[in-house]
Amino acid sequence: MSQESAAVVFPGQGTQRHGMGKDFFEAVDVSRRTFEEASDALGWDVADLCFGNDEKINLTEFAQPCILATEIAMFRGIQSLYGFAPRYFGGHSLGEYTALVAANAMLFSDALKTVHARGQLMQQANPPGAGAMAAVISQNLDEDLIKNSIQDLPIDVANINSAEQVVISGQADAMETVEKRLQAATGNDASLRFVPLNVSAPFHSRFMTGIKDTFREVLQKMADRLNPEKASMVTSNFTGGFHGASRFKIIEGLVAQISNSVRWRENMQVLADKAAIIYEIGPNRPLRNFFTSMGVTCQSVTSLSAAGRVFAKG
């Protein structure tokens, strides 16, 4: 299958689930080897954690490498079965690392070790329970209204996901104030929803700033192995566009991503401008609806059987 004008996108943390990727592991050789490669790189059994019932999979430091390993195992499996060859790549938050690996801009082993360290640092950045995140959802979402509602509070815009959803992040004890302000500012708009997220820290906010220097050191250890030319086909959550073709810019973009907004709406637009068709590959499919909200079709693959339905017809 030739997919020269196709794009592939990968979701991030929160998509993990018990049993993710097991069907690929059992049926596709390259997928099984990918899980084994991940275990060798990290020093613990990634497949066992993904396929069992251990709740440790929901801890940030383990969820991040497990999701990345699963997504690459799925991606490689689809490549081997159907000749899938996308030209453009994107990923939401953690998914940006999967995209860099899929584009051959970052080594798989380097990415695994990096996101494992990233997860540990992000978890340690704030005391448990001190931070929170919430999705603000509305049919007529006004980003400026949200920013005005949080400007004097310890809350930041974490993800600009679509015209209908923005995620905020910050101190847990300030979330109730934000919700009340938004309800008042919108005249109790019936379409407005304020949905607390099940996360363990205030990701993509000022409260991650303290770990940036340490994380930069982690990334710099594998800087020589980055491929800037390949990275220029991958969207940057921090800039909203494609990565710049220099190792320095790639690293600084990934460092900045930790404490700044994920500009996913802009990422989707630049991918839609380039690609004739977009696929989402991962354990769950949160990104498809974001594309749909902007009138762009995105086909999601969350299992081996779904891959057959989507790619075999090509």
C-alpha atoms as a PDB file:
ATOM      1  CA  MET A   1       0.000   0.000   0.000  1.00  0.00           C
ATOM      2  CA  SER A   2       1.400   3.383  -0.961  1.00  0.00           C
ATOM      3  CA  GLN A   3       0.484   6.118   1.482  1.00  0.00           C
ATOM      4  CA  GLU A   4       2.798   8.930   0.411  1.00  0.00           C
ATOM      5  CA  SER A   5       0.290  11.594   1.379  1.00  0.00           C
ATOM      6  CA  ALA A   6      -0.953   9.878   4.560  1.00  0.00           C
ATOM      7  CA  ALA A   7      -0.393  11.031   8.124  1.00  0.00           C
ATOM      8  CA  VAL A   8      -0.411   8.951  11.291  1.00  0.00           C
ATOM      9  CA  VAL A   9      -1.095  10.296  14.775  1.00  0.00           C
ATOM     10  CA  PHE A  10      -0.572   8.728  18.184  1.00  0.00           C
ATOM     11  CA  PRO A  11      -2.501   9.461  21.411  1.00  0.00           C
ATOM     12  CA  GLY A  12      -0.782   9.973  24.756  1.00  0.00           C
ATOM     13  CA  GLN A  13      -1.163   9.199  28.434  1.00  0.00           C
ATOM     14  CA  GLY A  14      -4.620   8.227  29.617  1.00  0.00           C
ATOM     15  CA  THR A  15      -5.127   5.769  26.746  1.00  0.00           C
ATOM     16  CA  GLN A  16      -3.470   2.885  28.588  1.00  0.00           C
ATOM     17  CA  ARG A  17      -5.566  -0.204  29.291  1.00  0.00           C
ATOM     18  CA  HIS A  18      -4.947  -3.748  30.465  1.00  0.00           C
ATOM     19  CA  GLY A  19      -4.334  -6.066  27.513  1.00  0.00           C
ATOM     20  CA  MET A  20      -3.304  -3.313  25.109  1.00  0.00           C
ATOM     21  CA  GLY A  21      -1.353  -4.628  22.136  1.00  0.00           C
ATOM     22  CA  LYS A  22      -1.720  -8.287  23.125  1.00  0.00           C
ATOM     23  CA  ASP A  23      -3.403  -9.258  19.853  1.00  0.00           C
ATOM     24  CA  PHE A  24      -0.486  -7.811  17.869  1.00  0.00           C
ATOM     25  CA  PHE A  25       2.020  -9.507  20.205  1.00  0.00           C
ATOM     26  CA  GLU A  26       0.431 -12.930  19.706  1.00  0.00           C
ATOM     27  CA  ALA A  27      -0.112 -12.738  15.940  1.00  0.00           C
ATOM     28  CA  VAL A  28       2.612 -10.531  14.432  1.00  0.00           C
ATOM     29  CA  ASP A  29       6.306 -11.382  14.793  1.00  0.00           C
ATOM     30  CA  VAL A  30       7.608  -7.829  14.481  1.00  0.00           C
ATOM     31  CA  SER A  31       5.174  -6.649  17.137  1.00  0.00           C
ATOM     32  CA  ARG A  32       6.297  -9.359  19.559  1.00  0.00           C
ATOM     33  CA  ARG A  33       9.933  -8.449  18.929  1.00  0.00           C
ATOM     34  CA  THR A  34       9.082  -4.792  19.563  1.00  0.00           C
ATOM     35  CA  PHE A  35       7.773  -5.599  23.047  1.00  0.00           C
ATOM     36  CA  GLU A  36      10.887  -7.703  23.690  1.00  0.00           C
ATOM     37  CA  GLU A  37      13.092  -4.841  22.515  1.00  0.00           C
ATOM     38  CA  ALA A  38      11.289  -2.521  24.919  1.00  0.00           C
ATOM     39  CA  SER A  39      11.854  -4.921  27.820  1.00  0.00           C
ATOM     40  CA  ASP A  40      15.563  -5.189  26.987  1.00  0.00           C
ATOM     41  CA  ALA A  41      15.899  -1.387  26.872  1.00  0.00           C
ATOM     42  CA  LEU A  42      14.096  -0.759  30.175  1.00  0.00           C
ATOM     43  CA  GLY A  43      15.152  -3.804  32.183  1.00  0.00           C
ATOM     44  CA  TRP A  44      11.628  -4.952  33.067  1.00  0.00           C
ATOM     45  CA  ASP A  45       8.940  -6.976  31.293  1.00  0.00           C
ATOM     46  CA  VAL A  46       6.882  -4.461  29.333  1.00  0.00           C
ATOM     47  CA  ALA A  47       4.543  -7.047  27.806  1.00  0.00           C
ATOM     48  CA  ASP A  48       3.767  -8.518  31.222  1.00  0.00           C
ATOM     49  CA  LEU A  49       2.761  -5.097  32.562  1.00  0.00           C
ATOM     50  CA  CYS A  50       0.702  -4.257  29.460  1.00  0.00           C
ATOM     51  CA  PHE A  51      -1.142  -7.566  29.302  1.00  0.00           C
ATOM     52  CA  GLY A  52      -1.719  -8.308  33.007  1.00  0.00           C
ATOM     53  CA  ASN A  53      -3.879  -6.709  35.669  1.00  0.00           C
ATOM     54  CA  ASP A  54      -1.179  -4.787  37.529  1.00  0.00           C
ATOM     55  CA  GLU A  55      -2.460  -1.300  38.398  1.00  0.00           C
ATOM     56  CA  LYS A  56       1.119  -0.056  38.121  1.00  0.00           C
ATOM     57  CA  ILE A  57       0.328   0.520  34.459  1.00  0.00           C
ATOM     58  CA  ASN A  58      -1.579   3.640  35.533  1.00  0.00           C
ATOM     59  CA  LEU A  59       1.443   5.190  37.248  1.00  0.00           C
ATOM     60  CA  THR A  60       2.951   7.875  35.038  1.00  0.00           C
ATOM     61  CA  GLU A  61       6.482   6.459  34.989  1.00  0.00           C
ATOM     62  CA  PHE A  62       5.200   3.096  33.702  1.00  0.00           C
ATOM     63  CA  ALA A  63       2.224   4.266  31.644  1.00  0.00           C
ATOM     64  CA  GLN A  64       4.383   6.397  29.374  1.00  0.00           C
ATOM     65  CA  PRO A  65       6.866   3.701  28.191  1.00  0.00           C
ATOM     66  CA  CYS A  66       4.082   1.086  28.028  1.00  0.00           C
ATOM     67  CA  ILE A  67       1.949   3.250  25.741  1.00  0.00           C
ATOM     68  CA  LEU A  68       4.917   4.130  23.542  1.00  0.00           C
ATOM     69  CA  ALA A  69       5.935   0.460  23.243  1.00  0.00           C
ATOM     70  CA  THR A  70       2.378  -0.598  22.418  1.00  0.00           C
ATOM     71  CA  GLU A  71       1.928   2.080  19.771  1.00  0.00           C
ATOM     72  CA  ILE A  72       5.226   1.264  18.058  1.00  0.00           C
ATOM     73  CA  ALA A  73       4.426  -2.467  18.188  1.00  0.00           C
ATOM     74  CA  MET A  74       1.075  -1.731  16.524  1.00  0.00           C
ATOM     75  CA  PHE A  75       2.611   0.640  13.977  1.00  0.00           C
ATOM     76  CA  ARG A  76       5.356  -1.808  12.991  1.00  0.00           C
ATOM     77  CA  GLY A  77       2.833  -4.623  12.800  1.00  0.00           C
ATOM     78  CA  ILE A  78       0.620  -2.638  10.441  1.00  0.00           C
ATOM     79  CA  GLN A  79       3.668  -1.747   8.344  1.00  0.00           C
ATOM     80  CA  SER A  80       4.660  -5.414   8.014  1.00  0.00           C
ATOM     81  CA  LEU A  81       1.146  -6.632   7.239  1.00  0.00           C
ATOM     82  CA  TYR A  82      -0.078  -3.886   4.928  1.00  0.00           C
ATOM     83  CA  GLY A  83       2.945  -1.926   3.728  1.00  0.00           C
ATOM     84  CA  PHE A  84       1.744   1.185   5.543  1.00  0.00           C
ATOM     85  CA  ALA A  85       4.103   4.080   4.725  1.00  0.00           C
ATOM     86  CA  PRO A  86       2.847   7.458   5.971  1.00  0.00           C
ATOM     87  CA  ARG A  87       4.752  10.608   5.145  1.00  0.00           C
ATOM     88  CA  TYR A  88       3.667  12.832   8.056  1.00  0.00           C
ATOM     89  CA  PHE A  89       3.540  12.138  11.780  1.00  0.00           C
ATOM     90  CA  GLY A  90       1.989  13.661  14.874  1.00  0.00           C
ATOM     91  CA  GLY A  91       1.362  12.764  18.486  1.00  0.00           C
ATOM     92  CA  HIS A  92      -0.456  14.243  21.452  1.00  0.00           C
ATOM     93  CA  SER A  93       1.868  14.933  24.416  1.00  0.00           C
ATOM     94  CA  LEU A  94       3.541  11.554  25.078  1.00  0.00           C
ATOM     95  CA  GLY A  95       2.420  10.558  21.586  1.00  0.00           C
ATOM     96  CA  GLU A  96       4.890  13.063  20.131  1.00  0.00           C
ATOM     97  CA  TYR A  97       7.679  10.667  21.135  1.00  0.00           C
ATOM     98  CA  THR A  98       5.931   7.769  19.400  1.00  0.00           C
ATOM     99  CA  ALA A  99       5.644   9.951  16.298  1.00  0.00           C
ATOM    100  CA  LEU A 100       9.377  10.745  16.369  1.00  0.00           C
ATOM    101  CA  VAL A 101      10.190   7.018  16.606  1.00  0.00           C
ATOM    102  CA  ALA A 102       7.735   6.109  13.832  1.00  0.00           C
ATOM    103  CA  ALA A 103       9.318   8.757  11.597  1.00  0.00           C
ATOM    104  CA  ASN A 104      12.802   7.340  12.329  1.00  0.00           C
ATOM    105  CA  ALA A 105      13.820  10.641  13.911  1.00  0.00           C
ATOM    106  CA  MET A 106      14.482   9.062  17.324  1.00  0.00           C
ATOM    107  CA  LEU A 107      15.682   5.577  18.227  1.00  0.00           C
ATOM    108  CA  PHE A 108      13.069   3.396  19.901  1.00  0.00           C
ATOM    109  CA  SER A 109      15.371   2.500  22.802  1.00  0.00           C
ATOM    110  CA  ASP A 110      16.259   6.165  23.356  1.00  0.00           C
ATOM    111  CA  ALA A 111      12.598   7.173  23.360  1.00  0.00           C
ATOM    112  CA  LEU A 112      11.677   4.445  25.867  1.00  0.00           C
ATOM    113  CA  LYS A 113      14.356   5.495  28.327  1.00  0.00           C
ATOM    114  CA  THR A 114      13.503   9.154  27.827  1.00  0.00           C
ATOM    115  CA  VAL A 115       9.778   8.811  28.505  1.00  0.00           C
ATOM    116  CA  HIS A 116      10.423   6.549  31.484  1.00  0.00           C
ATOM    117  CA  ALA A 117      12.601   9.304  32.970  1.00  0.00           C
ATOM    118  CA  ARG A 118      10.044  11.907  31.856  1.00  0.00           C
ATOM    119  CA  GLY A 119       7.301  10.077  33.708  1.00  0.00           C
ATOM    120  CA  GLN A 120       9.372   9.800  36.874  1.00  0.00           C
ATOM    121  CA  LEU A 121      10.244  13.493  36.807  1.00  0.00           C
ATOM    122  CA  MET A 122       6.689  14.605  36.072  1.00  0.00           C
ATOM    123  CA  GLN A 123       5.371  12.490  38.924  1.00  0.00           C
ATOM    124  CA  GLN A 124       7.967  13.884  41.350  1.00  0.00           C
ATOM    125  CA  ALA A 125       7.398  17.519  40.356  1.00  0.00           C
ATOM    126  CA  ASN A 126       4.473  18.021  42.751  1.00  0.00           C
ATOM    127  CA  PRO A 127       3.183  16.391  45.947  1.00  0.00           C
ATOM    128  CA  PRO A 128       0.428  13.791  45.343  1.00  0.00           C
ATOM    129  CA  GLY A 129      -3.009  15.401  45.284  1.00  0.00           C
ATOM    130  CA  ALA A 130      -1.699  18.956  44.976  1.00  0.00           C
ATOM    131  CA  GLY A 131      -2.297  19.211  41.245  1.00  0.00           C
ATOM    132  CA  ALA A 132      -5.254  18.538  38.987  1.00  0.00           C
ATOM    133  CA  MET A 133      -6.420  18.798  35.394  1.00  0.00           C
ATOM    134  CA  ALA A 134      -9.870  19.298  33.889  1.00  0.00           C
ATOM    135  CA  ALA A 135     -11.359  19.376  30.415  1.00  0.00           C
ATOM    136  CA  VAL A 136     -13.518  22.364  29.542  1.00  0.00           C
ATOM    137  CA  ILE A 137     -15.953  21.304  26.827  1.00  0.00           C
ATOM    138  CA  SER A 138     -18.520  23.390  24.975  1.00  0.00           C
ATOM    139  CA  GLN A 139     -20.070  23.664  21.536  1.00  0.00           C
ATOM    140  CA  ASN A 140     -19.021  27.302  21.338  1.00  0.00           C
ATOM    141  CA  LEU A 141     -15.781  27.324  23.296  1.00  0.00           C
ATOM    142  CA  ASP A 142     -14.139  30.707  23.805  1.00  0.00           C
ATOM    143  CA  GLU A 143     -10.407  30.309  24.536  1.00  0.00           C
ATOM    144  CA  ASP A 144     -10.062  33.953  25.576  1.00  0.00           C
ATOM    145  CA  LEU A 145     -12.864  33.541  28.109  1.00  0.00           C
ATOM    146  CA  ILE A 146     -11.028  30.581  29.628  1.00  0.00           C
ATOM    147  CA  LYS A 147      -7.750  32.483  29.761  1.00  0.00           C
ATOM    148  CA  ASN A 148      -9.457  35.453  31.415  1.00  0.00           C
ATOM    149  CA  SER A 149     -11.050  33.150  33.979  1.00  0.00           C
ATOM    150  CA  ILE A 150      -7.710  31.693  35.073  1.00  0.00           C
ATOM    151  CA  GLN A 151      -5.346  34.646  34.650  1.00  0.00           C
ATOM    152  CA  ASP A 152      -5.037  35.392  38.397  1.00  0.00           C
ATOM    153  CA  LEU A 153      -5.158  31.734  39.486  1.00  0.00           C
ATOM    154  CA  PRO A 154      -2.471  29.015  39.739  1.00  0.00           C
ATOM    155  CA  ILE A 155      -3.996  27.394  36.633  1.00  0.00           C
ATOM    156  CA  ASP A 156      -2.689  27.182  33.047  1.00  0.00           C
ATOM    157  CA  VAL A 157      -4.042  26.062  29.680  1.00  0.00           C
ATOM    158  CA  ALA A 158      -2.545  22.595  29.203  1.00  0.00           C
ATOM    159  CA  ASN A 159      -4.047  21.317  25.949  1.00  0.00           C
ATOM    160  CA  ILE A 160      -5.807  23.157  23.146  1.00  0.00           C
ATOM    161  CA  ASN A 161      -7.408  20.036  21.718  1.00  0.00           C
ATOM    162  CA  SER A 162     -10.131  21.328  19.424  1.00  0.00           C
ATOM    163  CA  ALA A 163     -12.660  24.096  18.907  1.00  0.00           C
ATOM    164  CA  GLU A 164     -14.792  22.295  21.495  1.00  0.00           C
ATOM    165  CA  GLN A 165     -12.252  21.244  24.138  1.00  0.00           C
ATOM    166  CA  VAL A 166      -9.490  22.897  26.153  1.00  0.00           C
ATOM    167  CA  VAL A 167      -7.761  21.228  29.109  1.00  0.00           C
ATOM    168  CA  ILE A 168      -6.581  23.269  32.079  1.00  0.00           C
ATOM    169  CA  SER A 169      -3.960  22.284  34.645  1.00  0.00           C
ATOM    170  CA  GLY A 170      -2.717  23.536  37.992  1.00  0.00           C
ATOM    171  CA  GLN A 171      -3.427  23.554  41.705  1.00  0.00           C
ATOM    172  CA  ALA A 172      -6.298  21.270  42.678  1.00  0.00           C
ATOM    173  CA  ASP A 173      -7.806  23.696  45.190  1.00  0.00           C
ATOM    174  CA  ALA A 174      -8.335  26.327  42.485  1.00  0.00           C
ATOM    175  CA  MET A 175     -10.348  24.168  40.092  1.00  0.00           C
ATOM    176  CA  GLU A 176     -13.700  24.806  41.745  1.00  0.00           C
ATOM    177  CA  THR A 177     -13.178  28.565  41.398  1.00  0.00           C
ATOM    178  CA  VAL A 178     -12.478  28.186  37.676  1.00  0.00           C
ATOM    179  CA  GLU A 179     -15.619  26.130  37.154  1.00  0.00           C
ATOM    180  CA  LYS A 180     -17.799  28.704  38.934  1.00  0.00           C
ATOM    181  CA  ARG A 181     -16.252  31.576  36.965  1.00  0.00           C
ATOM    182  CA  LEU A 182     -16.824  29.821  33.655  1.00  0.00           C
ATOM    183  CA  GLN A 183     -20.417  29.020  34.496  1.00  0.00           C
ATOM    184  CA  ALA A 184     -21.053  32.645  35.433  1.00  0.00           C
ATOM    185  CA  ALA A 185     -19.198  34.026  32.388  1.00  0.00           C
ATOM    186  CA  THR A 186     -21.188  31.833  29.985  1.00  0.00           C
ATOM    187  CA  GLY A 187     -24.548  32.497  31.614  1.00  0.00           C
ATOM    188  CA  ASN A 188     -24.762  28.867  32.704  1.00  0.00           C
ATOM    189  CA  ASP A 189     -24.471  27.664  29.102  1.00  0.00           C
ATOM    190  CA  ALA A 190     -26.128  24.244  28.989  1.00  0.00           C
ATOM    191  CA  SER A 191     -23.467  22.917  26.588  1.00  0.00           C
ATOM    192  CA  LEU A 192     -20.606  23.783  28.957  1.00  0.00           C
ATOM    193  CA  ARG A 193     -19.062  20.808  30.740  1.00  0.00           C
ATOM    194  CA  PHE A 194     -16.231  20.845  33.274  1.00  0.00           C
ATOM    195  CA  VAL A 195     -14.747  17.350  33.478  1.00  0.00           C
ATOM    196  CA  PRO A 196     -12.022  16.550  36.056  1.00  0.00           C
ATOM    197  CA  LEU A 197      -9.365  14.227  34.599  1.00  0.00           C
ATOM    198  CA  ASN A 198      -7.993  11.170  36.371  1.00  0.00           C
ATOM    199  CA  VAL A 199      -4.353  12.251  36.443  1.00  0.00           C
ATOM    200  CA  SER A 200      -1.728  12.278  39.159  1.00  0.00           C
ATOM    201  CA  ALA A 201      -0.056  15.629  38.461  1.00  0.00           C
ATOM    202  CA  PRO A 202      -0.692  19.011  36.755  1.00  0.00           C
ATOM    203  CA  PHE A 203       0.943  18.224  33.412  1.00  0.00           C
ATOM    204  CA  HIS A 204       1.736  20.942  30.853  1.00  0.00           C
ATOM    205  CA  SER A 205       1.627  23.715  33.424  1.00  0.00           C
ATOM    206  CA  ARG A 206       4.012  26.043  35.250  1.00  0.00           C
ATOM    207  CA  PHE A 207       4.259  23.395  37.976  1.00  0.00           C
ATOM    208  CA  MET A 208       6.431  21.270  35.671  1.00  0.00           C
ATOM    209  CA  THR A 209       9.014  24.055  35.190  1.00  0.00           C
ATOM    210  CA  GLY A 210      11.243  22.771  37.978  1.00  0.00           C
ATOM    211  CA  ILE A 211      12.094  19.553  36.136  1.00  0.00           C
ATOM    212  CA  LYS A 212      13.000  21.123  32.783  1.00  0.00           C
ATOM    213  CA  ASP A 213      16.770  21.376  33.355  1.00  0.00           C
ATOM    214  CA  THR A 214      17.021  17.777  34.530  1.00  0.00           C
ATOM    215  CA  PHE A 215      14.919  16.567  31.628  1.00  0.00           C
ATOM    216  CA  ARG A 216      17.054  18.543  29.174  1.00  0.00           C
ATOM    217  CA  GLU A 217      20.059  16.595  30.427  1.00  0.00           C
ATOM    218  CA  VAL A 218      18.196  13.340  29.716  1.00  0.00           C
ATOM    219  CA  LEU A 219      17.495  14.412  26.134  1.00  0.00           C
ATOM    220  CA  GLN A 220      21.000  15.704  25.509  1.00  0.00           C
ATOM    221  CA  LYS A 221      22.428  12.246  26.185  1.00  0.00           C
ATOM    222  CA  MET A 222      20.889  10.981  22.961  1.00  0.00           C
ATOM    223  CA  ALA A 223      21.136  14.207  20.939  1.00  0.00           C
ATOM    224  CA  ASP A 224      23.749  12.818  18.531  1.00  0.00           C
ATOM    225  CA  ARG A 225      21.362  10.020  17.551  1.00  0.00           C
ATOM    226  CA  LEU A 226      18.466  12.325  16.598  1.00  0.00           C
ATOM    227  CA  ASN A 227      17.689  12.691  12.889  1.00  0.00           C
ATOM    228  CA  PRO A 228      16.576  16.318  12.312  1.00  0.00           C
ATOM    229  CA  GLU A 229      15.648  15.731   8.669  1.00  0.00           C
ATOM    230  CA  LYS A 230      13.165  13.010   9.650  1.00  0.00           C
ATOM    231  CA  ALA A 231      11.890  15.115  12.561  1.00  0.00           C
ATOM    232  CA  SER A 232      10.840  17.839  10.126  1.00  0.00           C
ATOM    233  CA  MET A 233       7.963  15.516   9.141  1.00  0.00           C
ATOM    234  CA  VAL A 234       6.732  15.379  12.767  1.00  0.00           C
ATOM    235  CA  THR A 235       4.540  18.009  14.413  1.00  0.00           C
ATOM    236  CA  SER A 236       5.724  19.802  17.543  1.00  0.00           C
ATOM    237  CA  ASN A 237       3.198  20.203  20.356  1.00  0.00           C
ATOM    238  CA  PHE A 238       5.081  23.278  21.560  1.00  0.00           C
ATOM    239  CA  THR A 239       5.229  25.279  18.316  1.00  0.00           C
ATOM    240  CA  GLY A 240       2.053  23.963  16.700  1.00  0.00           C
ATOM    241  CA  GLY A 241       3.913  23.373  13.414  1.00  0.00           C
ATOM    242  CA  PHE A 242       6.505  20.851  12.293  1.00  0.00           C
ATOM    243  CA  HIS A 243       9.767  20.354  14.154  1.00  0.00           C
ATOM    244  CA  GLY A 244      12.697  22.502  13.085  1.00  0.00           C
ATOM    245  CA  ALA A 245      15.496  20.668  11.321  1.00  0.00           C
ATOM    246  CA  SER A 246      18.108  20.949  14.089  1.00  0.00           C
ATOM    247  CA  ARG A 247      18.882  18.783  17.093  1.00  0.00           C
ATOM    248  CA  PHE A 248      18.901  21.829  19.374  1.00  0.00           C
ATOM    249  CA  LYS A 249      15.396  22.885  18.292  1.00  0.00           C
ATOM    250  CA  ILE A 250      14.024  19.353  18.694  1.00  0.00           C
ATOM    251  CA  ILE A 251      15.355  19.078  22.243  1.00  0.00           C
ATOM    252  CA  GLU A 252      14.219  22.552  23.269  1.00  0.00           C
ATOM    253  CA  GLY A 253      10.753  21.890  21.852  1.00  0.00           C
ATOM    254  CA  LEU A 254      10.427  18.668  23.836  1.00  0.00           C
ATOM    255  CA  VAL A 255      11.675  20.349  27.003  1.00  0.00           C
ATOM    256  CA  ALA A 256       9.239  23.252  26.573  1.00  0.00           C
ATOM    257  CA  GLN A 257       6.368  20.847  25.913  1.00  0.00           C
ATOM    258  CA  ILE A 258       6.458  19.697  29.555  1.00  0.00           C
ATOM    259  CA  SER A 259       5.359  23.032  31.015  1.00  0.00           C
ATOM    260  CA  ASN A 260       3.545  24.662  28.083  1.00  0.00           C
ATOM    261  CA  SER A 261       0.280  24.155  26.217  1.00  0.00           C
ATOM    262  CA  VAL A 262      -0.054  21.268  23.789  1.00  0.00           C
ATOM    263  CA  ARG A 263      -1.155  23.090  20.655  1.00  0.00           C
ATOM    264  CA  TRP A 264      -2.930  20.097  19.215  1.00  0.00           C
ATOM    265  CA  ARG A 265      -5.532  22.043  17.269  1.00  0.00           C
ATOM    266  CA  GLU A 266      -2.711  23.662  15.278  1.00  0.00           C
ATOM    267  CA  ASN A 267      -0.974  20.292  14.878  1.00  0.00           C
ATOM    268  CA  MET A 268      -4.148  18.834  13.393  1.00  0.00           C
ATOM    269  CA  GLN A 269      -4.498  21.715  10.961  1.00  0.00           C
ATOM    270  CA  VAL A 270      -0.950  21.477   9.568  1.00  0.00           C
ATOM    271  CA  LEU A 271      -1.337  17.706   9.185  1.00  0.00           C
ATOM    272  CA  ALA A 272      -4.706  18.117   7.456  1.00  0.00           C
ATOM    273  CA  ASP A 273      -3.147  20.685   5.115  1.00  0.00           C
ATOM    274  CA  LYS A 274      -0.453  18.176   4.080  1.00  0.00           C
ATOM    275  CA  ALA A 275      -2.124  14.775   4.194  1.00  0.00           C
ATOM    276  CA  ALA A 276      -4.917  13.334   2.080  1.00  0.00           C
ATOM    277  CA  ILE A 277      -5.812  10.814   4.789  1.00  0.00           C
ATOM    278  CA  ILE A 278      -5.100  10.563   8.529  1.00  0.00           C
ATOM    279  CA  TYR A 279      -4.882   7.476  10.724  1.00  0.00           C
ATOM    280  CA  GLU A 280      -4.813   7.240  14.523  1.00  0.00           C
ATOM    281  CA  ILE A 281      -2.952   4.248  15.994  1.00  0.00           C
ATOM    282  CA  GLY A 282      -3.023   3.453  19.696  1.00  0.00           C
ATOM    283  CA  PRO A 283      -4.718   1.567  22.537  1.00  0.00           C
ATOM    284  CA  ASN A 284      -7.672   4.001  22.482  1.00  0.00           C
ATOM    285  CA  ARG A 285      -8.956   6.635  20.058  1.00  0.00           C
ATOM    286  CA  PRO A 286      -9.291  10.085  21.677  1.00  0.00           C
ATOM    287  CA  LEU A 287      -7.868  11.992  18.708  1.00  0.00           C
ATOM    288  CA  ARG A 288     -10.442  10.931  16.121  1.00  0.00           C
ATOM    289  CA  ASN A 289     -13.173  13.109  17.608  1.00  0.00           C
ATOM    290  CA  PHE A 290     -10.867  16.136  17.658  1.00  0.00           C
ATOM    291  CA  PHE A 291     -10.288  15.757  13.920  1.00  0.00           C
ATOM    292  CA  THR A 292     -14.002  15.203  13.343  1.00  0.00           C
ATOM    293  CA  SER A 293     -14.791  18.473  15.143  1.00  0.00           C
ATOM    294  CA  MET A 294     -12.812  20.332  12.469  1.00  0.00           C
ATOM    295  CA  GLY A 295     -14.395  18.440   9.593  1.00  0.00           C
ATOM    296  CA  VAL A 296     -11.428  16.121   8.959  1.00  0.00           C
ATOM    297  CA  THR A 297     -11.847  12.354   8.684  1.00  0.00           C
ATOM    298  CA  CYS A 298      -9.517  10.310  10.876  1.00  0.00           C
ATOM    299  CA  GLN A 299      -9.591   6.510  10.845  1.00  0.00           C
ATOM    300  CA  SER A 300      -8.674   4.911  14.186  1.00  0.00           C
ATOM    301  CA  VAL A 301      -6.930   1.589  14.749  1.00  0.00           C
ATOM    302  CA  THR A 302      -7.022   0.241  18.302  1.00  0.00           C
ATOM    303  CA  SER A 303      -6.705  -3.499  17.587  1.00  0.00           C
ATOM    304  CA  LEU A 304      -5.441  -6.023  15.054  1.00  0.00           C
ATOM    305  CA  SER A 305      -8.956  -6.683  13.784  1.00  0.00           C
ATOM    306  CA  ALA A 306      -9.520  -2.944  13.331  1.00  0.00           C
ATOM    307  CA  ALA A 307      -6.262  -2.758  11.358  1.00  0.00           C
ATOM    308  CA  GLY A 308      -7.607  -5.394   9.015  1.00  0.00           C
ATOM    309  CA  ARG A 309     -10.821  -3.484   8.448  1.00  0.00           C
ATOM    310  CA  VAL A 310      -9.013  -0.196   7.808  1.00  0.00           C
ATOM    311  CA  PHE A 311      -5.949  -1.271   5.821  1.00  0.00           C
ATOM    312  CA  ALA A 312      -6.834  -4.523   4.072  1.00  0.00           C
ATOM    313  CA  LYS A 313      -9.309  -2.763   1.815  1.00  0.00           C
ATOM    314  CA  GLY A 314      -6.461  -0.592   0.526  1.00  0.00           C
END
